[in-house]
N, C-alpha and C. Protein backbone atom coordinates (compact mmCIF):
# COMPACT_ATOMS: atom_id res chain seq x y z
N MET A 1 19.69 -2.83 7.20
CA MET A 1 18.37 -2.30 7.47
C MET A 1 18.48 -1.32 8.63
N THR A 2 17.91 -0.14 8.43
CA THR A 2 17.96 0.89 9.46
C THR A 2 16.60 0.96 10.15
N ARG A 3 16.64 1.09 11.45
CA ARG A 3 15.39 1.25 12.21
C ARG A 3 15.27 2.70 12.65
N TYR A 4 14.05 3.22 12.61
CA TYR A 4 13.81 4.61 12.95
C TYR A 4 12.85 4.68 14.14
N PRO A 5 13.27 5.28 15.25
CA PRO A 5 12.41 5.34 16.42
C PRO A 5 11.33 6.42 16.32
N LEU A 6 11.51 7.42 15.48
CA LEU A 6 10.56 8.51 15.42
C LEU A 6 9.86 8.56 14.06
N ARG A 7 8.59 8.87 14.10
CA ARG A 7 7.80 8.97 12.87
C ARG A 7 8.40 9.99 11.91
N ARG A 8 8.89 11.09 12.45
CA ARG A 8 9.50 12.15 11.63
C ARG A 8 10.68 11.60 10.83
N GLN A 9 11.50 10.75 11.47
CA GLN A 9 12.65 10.16 10.78
C GLN A 9 12.21 9.23 9.66
N VAL A 10 11.15 8.50 9.88
CA VAL A 10 10.63 7.61 8.84
C VAL A 10 10.16 8.44 7.65
N GLU A 11 9.41 9.50 7.92
CA GLU A 11 8.90 10.35 6.85
C GLU A 11 10.04 11.01 6.08
N GLU A 12 11.09 11.46 6.78
CA GLU A 12 12.24 12.08 6.11
C GLU A 12 12.93 11.08 5.18
N CYS A 13 13.12 9.86 5.65
CA CYS A 13 13.76 8.83 4.83
C CYS A 13 12.91 8.50 3.61
N ASN A 14 11.61 8.30 3.82
CA ASN A 14 10.72 7.99 2.71
C ASN A 14 10.68 9.11 1.69
N ASN A 15 10.62 10.36 2.16
CA ASN A 15 10.59 11.50 1.23
C ASN A 15 11.88 11.62 0.46
N ALA A 16 13.02 11.36 1.10
CA ALA A 16 14.31 11.42 0.40
C ALA A 16 14.37 10.37 -0.71
N ARG A 17 13.90 9.17 -0.42
CA ARG A 17 13.92 8.12 -1.44
C ARG A 17 12.93 8.40 -2.55
N LEU A 18 11.77 8.95 -2.20
CA LEU A 18 10.78 9.29 -3.21
C LEU A 18 11.30 10.39 -4.12
N ASN A 19 11.96 11.39 -3.55
CA ASN A 19 12.49 12.49 -4.35
C ASN A 19 13.63 12.04 -5.26
N ALA A 20 14.30 10.95 -4.90
CA ALA A 20 15.40 10.45 -5.74
C ALA A 20 14.88 9.73 -6.99
N LEU A 21 13.61 9.32 -6.97
CA LEU A 21 13.04 8.62 -8.13
C LEU A 21 12.67 9.63 -9.20
N PRO A 22 12.82 9.23 -10.47
CA PRO A 22 12.40 10.14 -11.54
C PRO A 22 10.87 10.15 -11.66
N GLY A 23 10.36 11.22 -12.24
CA GLY A 23 8.92 11.29 -12.47
C GLY A 23 8.22 12.26 -11.55
N VAL A 24 6.92 12.35 -11.75
CA VAL A 24 6.08 13.27 -11.01
C VAL A 24 5.34 12.51 -9.92
N SER A 25 5.22 13.12 -8.76
CA SER A 25 4.49 12.50 -7.65
C SER A 25 3.00 12.71 -7.82
N THR A 26 2.24 11.70 -7.43
CA THR A 26 0.79 11.81 -7.35
C THR A 26 0.42 11.76 -5.87
N HIS A 27 -0.42 12.68 -5.44
CA HIS A 27 -0.77 12.79 -4.03
C HIS A 27 -2.17 12.21 -3.81
N TYR A 28 -2.29 11.38 -2.80
CA TYR A 28 -3.57 10.78 -2.42
C TYR A 28 -3.91 11.24 -1.01
N HIS A 29 -5.09 11.80 -0.84
CA HIS A 29 -5.54 12.33 0.45
C HIS A 29 -6.46 11.33 1.14
N ALA A 30 -6.26 11.16 2.43
CA ALA A 30 -7.13 10.27 3.21
C ALA A 30 -8.53 10.87 3.28
N MET A 31 -9.51 10.00 3.30
CA MET A 31 -10.90 10.43 3.37
C MET A 31 -11.49 9.92 4.68
N ASP A 32 -11.00 10.45 5.79
CA ASP A 32 -11.44 10.02 7.11
C ASP A 32 -12.70 10.78 7.52
N PHE A 33 -13.47 10.15 8.37
CA PHE A 33 -14.64 10.80 8.93
C PHE A 33 -14.84 10.28 10.35
N ALA A 34 -15.52 11.09 11.15
CA ALA A 34 -15.75 10.72 12.54
C ALA A 34 -16.75 9.57 12.59
N GLY A 35 -16.41 8.54 13.34
CA GLY A 35 -17.28 7.38 13.47
C GLY A 35 -17.80 7.24 14.89
N TYR A 36 -17.71 6.04 15.43
CA TYR A 36 -18.22 5.75 16.76
C TYR A 36 -17.11 5.11 17.60
N ASP A 37 -17.18 5.31 18.89
CA ASP A 37 -16.21 4.67 19.77
C ASP A 37 -16.69 3.26 20.11
N MET A 38 -15.98 2.59 21.01
CA MET A 38 -16.32 1.20 21.32
C MET A 38 -17.64 1.05 22.06
N TYR A 39 -18.18 2.16 22.55
CA TYR A 39 -19.48 2.14 23.24
C TYR A 39 -20.61 2.59 22.32
N GLU A 40 -20.32 2.69 21.01
CA GLU A 40 -21.29 3.13 20.00
C GLU A 40 -21.73 4.57 20.20
N THR A 41 -20.89 5.38 20.84
CA THR A 41 -21.16 6.80 21.00
C THR A 41 -20.50 7.55 19.84
N PRO A 42 -21.22 8.44 19.17
CA PRO A 42 -20.60 9.18 18.05
C PRO A 42 -19.42 10.02 18.53
N LEU A 43 -18.35 10.01 17.74
CA LEU A 43 -17.17 10.82 18.05
C LEU A 43 -17.36 12.24 17.54
N THR A 44 -16.88 13.19 18.29
CA THR A 44 -16.86 14.57 17.81
C THR A 44 -15.69 14.72 16.84
N ILE A 45 -15.76 15.75 16.02
CA ILE A 45 -14.68 15.99 15.05
C ILE A 45 -13.34 16.18 15.76
N PRO A 46 -13.23 17.01 16.81
CA PRO A 46 -11.93 17.18 17.48
C PRO A 46 -11.41 15.88 18.10
N SER A 47 -12.29 15.07 18.70
CA SER A 47 -11.80 13.82 19.30
C SER A 47 -11.37 12.83 18.21
N ALA A 48 -12.06 12.82 17.07
CA ALA A 48 -11.67 11.94 15.96
C ALA A 48 -10.32 12.37 15.40
N GLU A 49 -10.10 13.67 15.24
CA GLU A 49 -8.81 14.15 14.74
C GLU A 49 -7.68 13.81 15.70
N LYS A 50 -7.95 13.90 16.99
CA LYS A 50 -6.94 13.56 18.00
C LYS A 50 -6.56 12.08 17.90
N LEU A 51 -7.56 11.23 17.70
CA LEU A 51 -7.29 9.79 17.55
C LEU A 51 -6.51 9.51 16.27
N LEU A 52 -6.87 10.19 15.18
CA LEU A 52 -6.19 9.97 13.90
C LEU A 52 -4.73 10.42 13.95
N GLU A 53 -4.41 11.44 14.76
CA GLU A 53 -3.03 11.89 14.87
C GLU A 53 -2.13 10.82 15.48
N ARG A 54 -2.70 9.95 16.29
CA ARG A 54 -1.91 8.89 16.94
C ARG A 54 -1.61 7.72 16.01
N LEU A 55 -2.34 7.64 14.91
CA LEU A 55 -2.15 6.51 13.98
C LEU A 55 -0.86 6.66 13.19
N VAL A 56 -0.39 5.56 12.68
CA VAL A 56 0.80 5.57 11.84
C VAL A 56 0.45 6.04 10.43
N ALA A 57 -0.80 5.85 10.02
CA ALA A 57 -1.23 6.22 8.67
C ALA A 57 -1.14 7.73 8.48
N LEU A 58 -0.79 8.15 7.28
CA LEU A 58 -0.64 9.56 6.95
C LEU A 58 -1.93 10.13 6.37
N ARG A 59 -2.10 11.44 6.50
CA ARG A 59 -3.27 12.09 5.88
C ARG A 59 -3.09 12.21 4.38
N VAL A 60 -1.86 12.39 3.91
CA VAL A 60 -1.56 12.50 2.49
C VAL A 60 -0.39 11.58 2.19
N ILE A 61 -0.51 10.81 1.13
CA ILE A 61 0.60 9.95 0.71
C ILE A 61 0.94 10.30 -0.74
N SER A 62 2.22 10.36 -1.03
CA SER A 62 2.70 10.67 -2.37
C SER A 62 3.37 9.44 -2.95
N LEU A 63 3.02 9.12 -4.19
CA LEU A 63 3.59 7.96 -4.87
C LEU A 63 4.06 8.36 -6.25
N LYS A 64 5.04 7.63 -6.74
CA LYS A 64 5.50 7.79 -8.11
C LYS A 64 5.37 6.44 -8.79
N ALA A 65 4.98 6.47 -10.04
CA ALA A 65 4.80 5.22 -10.78
C ALA A 65 5.57 5.29 -12.09
N ARG A 66 6.03 4.14 -12.52
CA ARG A 66 6.69 4.03 -13.81
C ARG A 66 5.90 3.00 -14.62
N PRO A 67 5.77 3.20 -15.92
CA PRO A 67 5.10 2.18 -16.72
C PRO A 67 5.92 0.90 -16.73
N MET A 68 5.24 -0.21 -16.69
CA MET A 68 5.90 -1.51 -16.72
C MET A 68 5.36 -2.30 -17.91
N PHE A 69 6.23 -3.05 -18.54
CA PHE A 69 5.82 -3.93 -19.62
C PHE A 69 5.62 -5.32 -19.05
N LEU A 70 4.40 -5.80 -19.15
CA LEU A 70 4.09 -7.14 -18.66
C LEU A 70 3.82 -8.04 -19.85
N CYS A 71 4.37 -9.20 -19.81
CA CYS A 71 4.18 -10.15 -20.90
C CYS A 71 3.56 -11.42 -20.34
N ASN A 72 2.42 -11.78 -20.88
CA ASN A 72 1.79 -13.03 -20.47
C ASN A 72 2.44 -14.19 -21.21
N PRO A 73 2.60 -15.33 -20.54
CA PRO A 73 3.17 -16.48 -21.23
C PRO A 73 2.20 -16.99 -22.29
N PRO A 74 2.70 -17.62 -23.33
CA PRO A 74 1.79 -18.19 -24.34
C PRO A 74 0.85 -19.21 -23.69
N PRO A 75 -0.34 -19.40 -24.26
CA PRO A 75 -1.33 -20.30 -23.65
C PRO A 75 -0.84 -21.73 -23.48
N HIS A 76 0.06 -22.23 -24.35
CA HIS A 76 0.47 -23.62 -24.22
C HIS A 76 1.27 -23.88 -22.94
N HIS A 77 1.74 -22.83 -22.28
CA HIS A 77 2.45 -23.00 -21.01
C HIS A 77 1.47 -23.30 -19.87
N LEU A 78 0.19 -23.01 -20.10
CA LEU A 78 -0.79 -23.20 -19.05
C LEU A 78 -1.39 -24.61 -19.04
N ILE A 79 -1.12 -25.39 -20.07
CA ILE A 79 -1.66 -26.75 -20.14
C ILE A 79 -0.74 -27.69 -19.40
N TRP A 80 -1.29 -28.43 -18.50
CA TRP A 80 -0.50 -29.40 -17.75
C TRP A 80 -0.35 -30.67 -18.57
N GLN A 81 0.82 -31.22 -18.55
CA GLN A 81 1.06 -32.49 -19.23
C GLN A 81 0.78 -33.62 -18.27
N VAL A 82 -0.28 -34.38 -18.53
CA VAL A 82 -0.65 -35.49 -17.67
C VAL A 82 -0.22 -36.77 -18.37
N PRO A 83 0.59 -37.59 -17.71
CA PRO A 83 1.02 -38.84 -18.36
C PRO A 83 -0.17 -39.78 -18.55
N ASN A 84 -0.11 -40.54 -19.62
CA ASN A 84 -1.17 -41.50 -19.94
C ASN A 84 -0.96 -42.74 -19.05
N ARG A 85 -1.84 -42.98 -18.15
CA ARG A 85 -1.72 -44.09 -17.22
C ARG A 85 -2.38 -45.36 -17.77
N LEU A 86 -3.01 -45.26 -18.92
CA LEU A 86 -3.71 -46.43 -19.47
C LEU A 86 -2.87 -47.11 -20.55
N GLU A 87 -1.57 -47.15 -20.37
CA GLU A 87 -0.71 -47.80 -21.35
C GLU A 87 -0.87 -49.31 -21.25
N PRO A 88 -0.82 -50.00 -22.40
CA PRO A 88 -0.94 -51.48 -22.34
C PRO A 88 0.29 -52.08 -21.67
N SER A 89 0.08 -53.12 -20.91
CA SER A 89 1.20 -53.76 -20.24
C SER A 89 1.70 -54.95 -20.97
């Protein structure tokens, strides 16, 4: 396991692994908006952007997906076998 001290290094590693996967990337954009600070004062757009830059979360994330075949077990696997405790002695 490799540890990365810089965010840039993490992004480079993730992008290299993503590019190695087959398929097309889908990009998802964050939908952030300016909210309120801890004193219930509305944040300005520049101050909200400055706070968001400090977060680990990215503004855009790219993912690749592959179809998977899922098979549900037959219904008889879901029935529990309860021993009959009323056997004659």
